[in-house]
Amino acid sequence: MAEFNRKEFAERLKKFRKEKGLSQENLAMSIGKNSSTIARFESGRLIPDAEQIFLLCNELEISECDLFNSSYKIRNNEESINPFGVNTLYIYYNGYYPTSKKFDKCKFKINIITKQNYCELHFVDYKTNKIYMIGHIETDNFMAFLKFNNYKPTSPRLECTQININIANSIDRLMRGVLFCTNGKYEPSCRKCFISKTDLDFTDEMLEELKITTREFEEMEKINIWYVDVENKEDFEQ
């Protein structure tokens, strides 16, 4: 069980106050206290209650998570990082392939371009290198969310796609994920996918693993919700 560290909590509060450019007196006024109370918070002699923590975080423009645990933080698109350590990912799923105009094994590339403050994504045709969508990464310690929109703003229809990838177990093996998108009629769809850091052949065995399982069908019949299994249990190699 994790233990609360009063000293680390106090040091983080002090660090965020200084980064915001506030004095102890300024911060104290925002929560209706005096500067001596903030001094006690920042020394670890006194821990603020839930309401005070809410007011402090609101004034410092941080989350409660920032105060309690500096090692775990959700990253938004303005400060997103690349958790994969490579510039290209490969995604495999069963879907409607634009060039062949039929349902088939779909294999695309996701190029990751590191900018100053965020990571830009390009959803690219594996065969032609045509860019279909651009997007960004949002990630925490367990999942990576890849969000895409139309590449060209003049496209005749809005297209939004999201890929949720399980990164909790490993990012070096073949990762399991789920892809949310719409077709030309705006009909939404959800399907399993594989994502890898290396260029693999899309095998029949991989395609078989992407099918909805009997257990998943049974769960859907009970509650009308599909909980997609994205646990990384097996690897597939060329």
Protein backbone atom coordinates (compact mmCIF):
# COMPACT_ATOMS: atom_id res chain seq x y z
CA MET A 1 0.00 0.00 0.00
CA ALA A 2 1.32 3.46 -0.89
CA GLU A 3 2.16 5.75 2.03
CA PHE A 4 1.45 9.46 2.19
CA ASN A 5 4.64 11.53 2.37
CA ARG A 6 3.97 14.82 4.15
CA LYS A 7 7.35 16.29 3.20
CA GLU A 8 6.95 15.58 -0.54
CA PHE A 9 3.39 16.96 -0.48
CA ALA A 10 4.64 20.15 1.19
CA GLU A 11 7.52 20.56 -1.26
CA ARG A 12 5.22 20.13 -4.26
CA LEU A 13 2.80 22.72 -2.92
CA LYS A 14 5.65 25.18 -2.43
CA LYS A 15 7.05 24.46 -5.91
CA PHE A 16 3.70 25.04 -7.64
CA ARG A 17 3.10 28.26 -5.67
CA LYS A 18 6.46 29.67 -6.74
CA GLU A 19 5.94 28.59 -10.36
CA LYS A 20 2.65 30.50 -10.31
CA GLY A 21 4.47 33.57 -8.97
CA LEU A 22 2.38 33.82 -5.81
CA SER A 23 3.48 34.76 -2.31
CA GLN A 24 2.27 32.78 0.69
CA GLU A 25 -0.02 35.69 1.53
CA ASN A 26 -1.51 35.75 -2.00
CA LEU A 27 -2.23 32.03 -1.88
CA ALA A 28 -3.61 32.23 1.63
CA MET A 29 -6.17 34.85 0.58
CA SER A 30 -7.54 32.52 -2.10
CA ILE A 31 -8.56 29.97 0.53
CA GLY A 32 -9.57 32.44 3.22
CA LYS A 33 -6.59 31.79 5.48
CA ASN A 34 -3.51 33.73 6.58
CA SER A 35 0.06 33.32 5.36
CA SER A 36 1.11 31.37 8.46
CA THR A 37 -1.29 28.60 7.43
CA ILE A 38 0.38 28.31 4.02
CA ALA A 39 3.77 28.28 5.75
CA ARG A 40 2.61 25.35 7.88
CA PHE A 41 1.31 23.57 4.76
CA GLU A 42 4.66 24.06 3.02
CA SER A 43 6.63 22.78 6.01
CA GLY A 44 4.53 19.65 6.33
CA ARG A 45 3.41 20.55 9.85
CA LEU A 46 -0.20 20.90 8.69
CA ILE A 47 -2.07 19.11 5.88
CA PRO A 48 -4.96 20.96 4.20
CA ASP A 49 -8.38 19.37 4.24
CA ALA A 50 -10.29 18.32 1.09
CA GLU A 51 -11.97 21.71 0.59
CA GLN A 52 -8.68 23.57 1.05
CA ILE A 53 -6.91 21.26 -1.41
CA PHE A 54 -9.66 21.95 -3.96
CA LEU A 55 -9.25 25.72 -3.52
CA LEU A 56 -5.45 25.50 -3.64
CA CYS A 57 -5.45 23.47 -6.86
CA ASN A 58 -7.97 25.83 -8.43
CA GLU A 59 -5.78 28.85 -7.62
CA LEU A 60 -2.56 27.13 -8.76
CA GLU A 61 -4.29 25.70 -11.87
CA ILE A 62 -3.14 22.14 -11.15
CA SER A 63 -4.93 18.87 -10.43
CA GLU A 64 -5.11 17.13 -7.06
CA CYS A 65 -2.98 14.40 -8.66
CA ASP A 66 -0.15 16.91 -9.13
CA LEU A 67 0.00 17.49 -5.39
CA PHE A 68 -0.24 13.89 -4.28
CA ASN A 69 1.86 12.03 -6.85
CA SER A 70 4.34 13.67 -9.19
CA SER A 71 5.15 10.39 -10.98
CA TYR A 72 1.63 9.83 -12.32
CA LYS A 73 0.06 12.43 -14.56
CA ILE A 74 -2.43 12.47 -17.37
CA ARG A 75 -1.05 14.29 -20.39
CA ASN A 76 -3.34 16.35 -22.59
CA ASN A 77 -2.69 17.26 -26.20
CA GLU A 78 -0.83 20.48 -25.28
CA GLU A 79 1.79 18.55 -23.30
CA SER A 80 1.51 15.04 -24.74
CA ILE A 81 4.54 12.80 -24.93
CA ASN A 82 5.46 9.83 -27.07
CA PRO A 83 5.33 6.79 -24.78
CA PHE A 84 6.43 4.41 -27.55
CA GLY A 85 9.96 5.67 -28.17
CA VAL A 86 9.67 5.31 -31.96
CA ASN A 87 8.59 7.57 -34.82
CA THR A 88 6.30 5.04 -36.54
CA LEU A 89 3.64 2.61 -35.30
CA TYR A 90 1.86 -0.02 -37.40
CA ILE A 91 -1.83 -0.75 -36.95
CA TYR A 92 -3.67 -3.88 -38.13
CA TYR A 93 -7.45 -4.35 -38.22
CA ASN A 94 -10.26 -5.77 -40.32
CA GLY A 95 -12.06 -3.00 -42.17
CA TYR A 96 -13.04 -1.29 -45.39
CA TYR A 97 -9.88 -0.60 -47.37
CA PRO A 98 -10.12 2.69 -49.33
CA THR A 99 -8.17 1.57 -52.41
CA SER A 100 -9.66 -1.91 -52.89
CA LYS A 101 -13.13 -0.69 -51.78
CA LYS A 102 -13.86 -3.91 -49.90
CA PHE A 103 -13.50 -5.33 -46.42
CA ASP A 104 -10.06 -6.79 -45.97
CA LYS A 105 -6.99 -6.84 -43.75
CA CYS A 106 -6.17 -3.18 -43.19
CA LYS A 107 -2.62 -2.15 -42.39
CA PHE A 108 -1.73 1.49 -41.83
CA LYS A 109 1.15 3.47 -40.39
CA ILE A 110 0.92 6.05 -37.65
CA ASN A 111 3.77 8.52 -37.95
CA ILE A 112 4.63 10.38 -34.75
CA ILE A 113 6.11 13.86 -35.20
CA THR A 114 7.47 15.41 -32.00
CA LYS A 115 6.73 19.13 -31.78
CA GLN A 116 7.90 21.59 -29.14
CA ASN A 117 4.99 20.98 -26.78
CA TYR A 118 3.10 17.97 -28.16
CA CYS A 119 3.18 14.99 -30.53
CA GLU A 120 1.42 15.25 -33.88
CA LEU A 121 0.13 12.04 -35.46
CA HIS A 122 -0.32 11.19 -39.15
CA PHE A 123 -2.56 8.25 -40.07
CA VAL A 124 -0.90 7.01 -43.26
CA ASP A 125 -1.70 4.39 -45.91
CA TYR A 126 0.94 1.67 -45.63
CA LYS A 127 1.11 1.12 -49.40
CA THR A 128 0.81 4.64 -50.81
CA ASN A 129 1.99 6.83 -47.89
CA LYS A 130 -1.13 8.95 -48.35
CA ILE A 131 -2.05 10.87 -45.19
CA TYR A 132 -5.70 10.30 -44.31
CA MET A 133 -5.93 11.99 -40.90
CA ILE A 134 -3.87 13.98 -38.42
CA GLY A 135 -4.15 13.94 -34.65
CA HIS A 136 -2.47 13.90 -31.26
CA ILE A 137 -1.73 11.61 -28.29
CA GLU A 138 -3.25 11.69 -24.83
CA THR A 139 -1.80 9.18 -22.40
CA ASP A 140 -1.44 8.05 -18.81
CA ASN A 141 0.40 5.09 -17.28
CA PHE A 142 -2.10 2.55 -18.57
CA MET A 143 -3.60 3.62 -21.88
CA ALA A 144 -2.64 5.73 -24.87
CA PHE A 145 -5.46 7.51 -26.72
CA LEU A 146 -4.69 8.43 -30.33
CA LYS A 147 -7.24 10.97 -31.64
CA PHE A 148 -7.56 11.89 -35.32
CA ASN A 149 -9.52 14.28 -37.56
CA ASN A 150 -9.62 14.90 -41.33
CA TYR A 151 -6.28 15.68 -42.89
CA LYS A 152 -7.80 18.35 -45.15
CA PRO A 153 -10.33 20.86 -43.76
CA THR A 154 -11.99 20.97 -47.20
CA SER A 155 -13.03 17.30 -46.98
CA PRO A 156 -16.72 16.80 -47.81
CA ARG A 157 -17.44 15.04 -44.50
CA LEU A 158 -16.15 15.21 -40.95
CA GLU A 159 -14.16 12.16 -39.94
CA CYS A 160 -13.10 11.54 -36.34
CA THR A 161 -11.25 8.41 -35.27
CA GLN A 162 -9.88 7.31 -31.92
CA ILE A 163 -7.56 4.40 -31.14
CA ASN A 164 -7.24 3.25 -27.53
CA ILE A 165 -4.07 1.23 -26.90
CA ASN A 166 -3.19 -0.83 -23.84
CA ILE A 167 0.34 0.20 -22.83
CA ALA A 168 0.18 -1.07 -19.24
CA ASN A 169 1.76 -4.48 -19.85
CA SER A 170 4.31 -3.69 -22.54
CA ILE A 171 4.99 -1.39 -25.47
CA ASP A 172 7.58 -3.68 -27.02
CA ARG A 173 5.23 -6.57 -27.77
CA LEU A 174 2.28 -6.52 -30.14
CA MET A 175 -0.20 -4.23 -28.39
CA ARG A 176 -3.94 -4.74 -28.39
CA GLY A 177 -6.30 -1.84 -28.91
CA VAL A 178 -9.71 -0.74 -30.08
CA LEU A 179 -10.53 1.57 -33.00
CA PHE A 180 -13.60 3.84 -33.09
CA CYS A 181 -14.59 5.41 -36.41
CA THR A 182 -17.47 6.04 -38.85
CA ASN A 183 -18.09 5.00 -42.44
CA GLY A 184 -19.24 7.16 -45.38
CA LYS A 185 -22.80 7.15 -44.00
CA TYR A 186 -21.66 8.33 -40.56
CA GLU A 187 -22.46 4.92 -39.14
CA PRO A 188 -20.22 4.41 -36.07
CA SER A 189 -18.17 1.25 -35.67
CA CYS A 190 -15.89 -0.23 -33.07
CA ARG A 191 -13.34 -2.94 -33.79
CA LYS A 192 -10.33 -4.59 -32.27
CA CYS A 193 -6.89 -3.79 -33.61
CA PHE A 194 -3.25 -4.63 -33.11
CA ILE A 195 -0.49 -2.02 -32.90
CA SER A 196 3.22 -2.73 -33.15
CA LYS A 197 6.48 -0.81 -33.10
CA THR A 198 7.87 -3.05 -35.85
CA ASP A 199 6.62 -3.76 -39.37
CA LEU A 200 4.92 -7.18 -39.23
CA ASP A 201 3.05 -9.25 -41.80
CA PHE A 202 -0.70 -9.20 -41.18
CA THR A 203 -1.24 -12.95 -40.70
CA ASP A 204 -4.46 -14.97 -40.68
CA GLU A 205 -3.72 -15.84 -37.05
CA MET A 206 -3.73 -12.15 -36.14
CA LEU A 207 -6.99 -11.64 -38.04
CA GLU A 208 -8.57 -14.53 -36.14
CA GLU A 209 -7.59 -12.92 -32.83
CA LEU A 210 -9.39 -9.73 -33.84
CA LYS A 211 -12.79 -11.42 -34.00
CA ILE A 212 -15.39 -10.86 -31.30
CA THR A 213 -15.20 -13.78 -28.87
CA THR A 214 -18.07 -15.91 -27.60
CA ARG A 215 -17.59 -14.45 -24.13
CA GLU A 216 -17.84 -10.92 -25.51
CA PHE A 217 -21.06 -11.84 -27.37
CA GLU A 218 -22.53 -13.28 -24.19
CA GLU A 219 -21.70 -10.12 -22.25
CA MET A 220 -23.30 -7.97 -24.96
CA GLU A 221 -26.51 -10.00 -24.77
CA LYS A 222 -26.68 -9.40 -21.02
CA ILE A 223 -26.03 -5.67 -20.88
CA ASN A 224 -26.03 -4.43 -24.51
CA ILE A 225 -22.49 -3.12 -24.10
CA TRP A 226 -19.34 -4.41 -25.76
CA TYR A 227 -16.38 -4.39 -23.39
CA VAL A 228 -13.46 -4.95 -25.74
CA ASP A 229 -10.69 -7.22 -24.46
CA VAL A 230 -7.41 -5.38 -25.05
CA GLU A 231 -5.25 -7.32 -22.60
CA ASN A 232 -1.83 -8.13 -24.06
CA LYS A 233 -1.81 -11.90 -23.58
CA GLU A 234 -0.03 -13.16 -26.68
CA ASP A 235 2.60 -12.07 -29.17
CA PHE A 236 2.60 -12.62 -32.91
CA GLU A 237 5.79 -12.67 -34.91
CA GLN A 238 6.60 -12.82 -38.58
